[in-house]
Amino acid sequence: MKRILAILGQFLLFLALFAVGSFLHPFSLHWATTPTPSGTRYFIPDGLLLALGVFLAIVLVQALRKRTCNTTHTVLAFVLAIAAGYLIRLGFVTTGI
């Protein structure tokens, strides 16, 4: 039960960081500009990079503390949060013509 709560907590942390970075645009980056009939679509990777940075910091702290048994749970939470973020279209923006 403790592991499930830890995975859920990290999942929510990564998903919240992905969402906050996608809406606030702290780095103002744009990827994959694609023209469509309804406008131009692009991806703002700020939330993804923010979540990735926190993920790497957590894994680094786990490695320094020699708690690598928890790393698989962190990876699982990160992958699930990124997949959920892509499913709800976080970071994707369409600008009208």
C-alpha atoms as a PDB file:
ATOM      1  CA  MET A   1       0.000   0.000   0.000  1.00  0.00           C
ATOM      2  CA  LYS A   2       2.872   2.337   0.802  1.00  0.00           C
ATOM      3  CA  ARG A   3       4.416   1.775  -2.634  1.00  0.00           C
ATOM      4  CA  ILE A   4       1.132   2.465  -4.404  1.00  0.00           C
ATOM      5  CA  LEU A   5       0.740   5.751  -2.519  1.00  0.00           C
ATOM      6  CA  ALA A   6       4.332   6.715  -3.373  1.00  0.00           C
ATOM      7  CA  ILE A   7       3.737   5.966  -7.059  1.00  0.00           C
ATOM      8  CA  LEU A   8       0.465   7.899  -7.007  1.00  0.00           C
ATOM      9  CA  GLY A   9       2.104  10.871  -5.281  1.00  0.00           C
ATOM     10  CA  GLN A  10       4.963  10.994  -7.765  1.00  0.00           C
ATOM     11  CA  PHE A  11       2.519  10.541 -10.651  1.00  0.00           C
ATOM     12  CA  LEU A  12       0.512  13.543  -9.462  1.00  0.00           C
ATOM     13  CA  LEU A  13       3.710  15.573  -8.975  1.00  0.00           C
ATOM     14  CA  PHE A  14       4.958  14.877 -12.500  1.00  0.00           C
ATOM     15  CA  LEU A  15       1.532  15.467 -14.041  1.00  0.00           C
ATOM     16  CA  ALA A  16       1.124  18.759 -12.156  1.00  0.00           C
ATOM     17  CA  LEU A  17       4.576  19.929 -13.281  1.00  0.00           C
ATOM     18  CA  PHE A  18       3.766  18.971 -16.872  1.00  0.00           C
ATOM     19  CA  ALA A  19       0.501  20.927 -16.680  1.00  0.00           C
ATOM     20  CA  VAL A  20       2.006  24.004 -14.990  1.00  0.00           C
ATOM     21  CA  GLY A  21       4.870  24.172 -17.474  1.00  0.00           C
ATOM     22  CA  SER A  22       2.478  23.736 -20.387  1.00  0.00           C
ATOM     23  CA  PHE A  23       0.277  26.639 -19.300  1.00  0.00           C
ATOM     24  CA  LEU A  24       2.877  29.091 -17.966  1.00  0.00           C
ATOM     25  CA  HIS A  25       5.575  28.635 -20.680  1.00  0.00           C
ATOM     26  CA  PRO A  26       8.589  29.431 -18.443  1.00  0.00           C
ATOM     27  CA  PHE A  27      11.152  28.672 -21.185  1.00  0.00           C
ATOM     28  CA  SER A  28       9.130  29.871 -24.242  1.00  0.00           C
ATOM     29  CA  LEU A  29      10.191  26.999 -26.513  1.00  0.00           C
ATOM     30  CA  HIS A  30       8.224  25.685 -29.504  1.00  0.00           C
ATOM     31  CA  TRP A  31       8.677  22.304 -31.206  1.00  0.00           C
ATOM     32  CA  ALA A  32       7.298  20.703 -34.354  1.00  0.00           C
ATOM     33  CA  THR A  33       5.483  23.524 -36.086  1.00  0.00           C
ATOM     34  CA  THR A  34       2.918  21.950 -38.418  1.00  0.00           C
ATOM     35  CA  PRO A  35       0.588  23.966 -40.651  1.00  0.00           C
ATOM     36  CA  THR A  36      -2.979  22.634 -40.747  1.00  0.00           C
ATOM     37  CA  PRO A  37      -6.148  23.950 -42.393  1.00  0.00           C
ATOM     38  CA  SER A  38      -7.348  25.297 -39.035  1.00  0.00           C
ATOM     39  CA  GLY A  39      -4.064  27.015 -38.137  1.00  0.00           C
ATOM     40  CA  THR A  40      -0.541  26.216 -37.044  1.00  0.00           C
ATOM     41  CA  ARG A  41      -0.004  23.437 -34.491  1.00  0.00           C
ATOM     42  CA  TYR A  42       3.037  23.267 -32.280  1.00  0.00           C
ATOM     43  CA  PHE A  43       4.174  21.642 -29.059  1.00  0.00           C
ATOM     44  CA  ILE A  44       5.435  23.633 -26.078  1.00  0.00           C
ATOM     45  CA  PRO A  45       7.929  21.355 -24.278  1.00  0.00           C
ATOM     46  CA  ASP A  46       8.266  23.508 -21.138  1.00  0.00           C
ATOM     47  CA  GLY A  47       6.142  21.209 -18.969  1.00  0.00           C
ATOM     48  CA  LEU A  48       7.869  18.108 -20.283  1.00  0.00           C
ATOM     49  CA  LEU A  49      11.307  19.578 -19.586  1.00  0.00           C
ATOM     50  CA  LEU A  50      10.230  20.708 -16.111  1.00  0.00           C
ATOM     51  CA  ALA A  51       8.919  17.235 -15.249  1.00  0.00           C
ATOM     52  CA  LEU A  52      12.053  15.633 -16.716  1.00  0.00           C
ATOM     53  CA  GLY A  53      14.289  17.873 -14.601  1.00  0.00           C
ATOM     54  CA  VAL A  54      12.472  16.946 -11.388  1.00  0.00           C
ATOM     55  CA  PHE A  55      12.526  13.272 -12.414  1.00  0.00           C
ATOM     56  CA  LEU A  56      16.302  13.374 -12.897  1.00  0.00           C
ATOM     57  CA  ALA A  57      16.748  15.160  -9.553  1.00  0.00           C
ATOM     58  CA  ILE A  58      14.698  12.494  -7.760  1.00  0.00           C
ATOM     59  CA  VAL A  59      16.642   9.668  -9.428  1.00  0.00           C
ATOM     60  CA  LEU A  60      19.939  11.373  -8.537  1.00  0.00           C
ATOM     61  CA  VAL A  61      18.925  11.709  -4.878  1.00  0.00           C
ATOM     62  CA  GLN A  62      17.820   8.063  -4.828  1.00  0.00           C
ATOM     63  CA  ALA A  63      21.183   7.020  -6.284  1.00  0.00           C
ATOM     64  CA  LEU A  64      23.119   9.112  -3.760  1.00  0.00           C
ATOM     65  CA  ARG A  65      21.112   7.609  -0.901  1.00  0.00           C
ATOM     66  CA  LYS A  66      21.592   4.113  -2.397  1.00  0.00           C
ATOM     67  CA  ARG A  67      17.826   3.608  -2.591  1.00  0.00           C
ATOM     68  CA  THR A  68      17.789   2.319  -6.159  1.00  0.00           C
ATOM     69  CA  CYS A  69      14.998  -0.134  -5.332  1.00  0.00           C
ATOM     70  CA  ASN A  70      12.577   2.824  -5.520  1.00  0.00           C
ATOM     71  CA  THR A  71      13.824   3.960  -8.922  1.00  0.00           C
ATOM     72  CA  THR A  72      11.533   1.588 -10.821  1.00  0.00           C
ATOM     73  CA  HIS A  73       8.538   3.128  -9.063  1.00  0.00           C
ATOM     74  CA  THR A  74       9.735   6.613  -9.975  1.00  0.00           C
ATOM     75  CA  VAL A  75      10.216   5.621 -13.608  1.00  0.00           C
ATOM     76  CA  LEU A  76       6.734   4.055 -13.674  1.00  0.00           C
ATOM     77  CA  ALA A  77       5.161   7.207 -12.199  1.00  0.00           C
ATOM     78  CA  PHE A  78       7.043   9.432 -14.666  1.00  0.00           C
ATOM     79  CA  VAL A  79       6.082   7.377 -17.724  1.00  0.00           C
ATOM     80  CA  LEU A  80       2.428   7.207 -16.647  1.00  0.00           C
ATOM     81  CA  ALA A  81       2.311  10.966 -15.997  1.00  0.00           C
ATOM     82  CA  ILE A  82       3.848  11.815 -19.363  1.00  0.00           C
ATOM     83  CA  ALA A  83       1.487   9.415 -21.135  1.00  0.00           C
ATOM     84  CA  ALA A  84      -1.503  10.919 -19.319  1.00  0.00           C
ATOM     85  CA  GLY A  85      -0.291  14.424 -20.179  1.00  0.00           C
ATOM     86  CA  TYR A  86      -0.072  13.544 -23.859  1.00  0.00           C
ATOM     87  CA  LEU A  87      -3.507  11.915 -23.754  1.00  0.00           C
ATOM     88  CA  ILE A  88      -5.085  15.095 -22.379  1.00  0.00           C
ATOM     89  CA  ARG A  89      -3.067  17.121 -24.931  1.00  0.00           C
ATOM     90  CA  LEU A  90      -0.960  19.159 -22.493  1.00  0.00           C
ATOM     91  CA  GLY A  91       1.518  21.372 -24.315  1.00  0.00           C
ATOM     92  CA  PHE A  92      -0.160  21.232 -27.726  1.00  0.00           C
ATOM     93  CA  VAL A  93      -1.294  24.605 -29.071  1.00  0.00           C
ATOM     94  CA  THR A  94      -3.106  25.559 -32.283  1.00  0.00           C
ATOM     95  CA  THR A  95      -2.983  29.157 -33.434  1.00  0.00           C
ATOM     96  CA  GLY A  96      -5.619  30.322 -35.881  1.00  0.00           C
ATOM     97  CA  ILE A  97      -4.899  31.729 -39.298  1.00  0.00           C
END
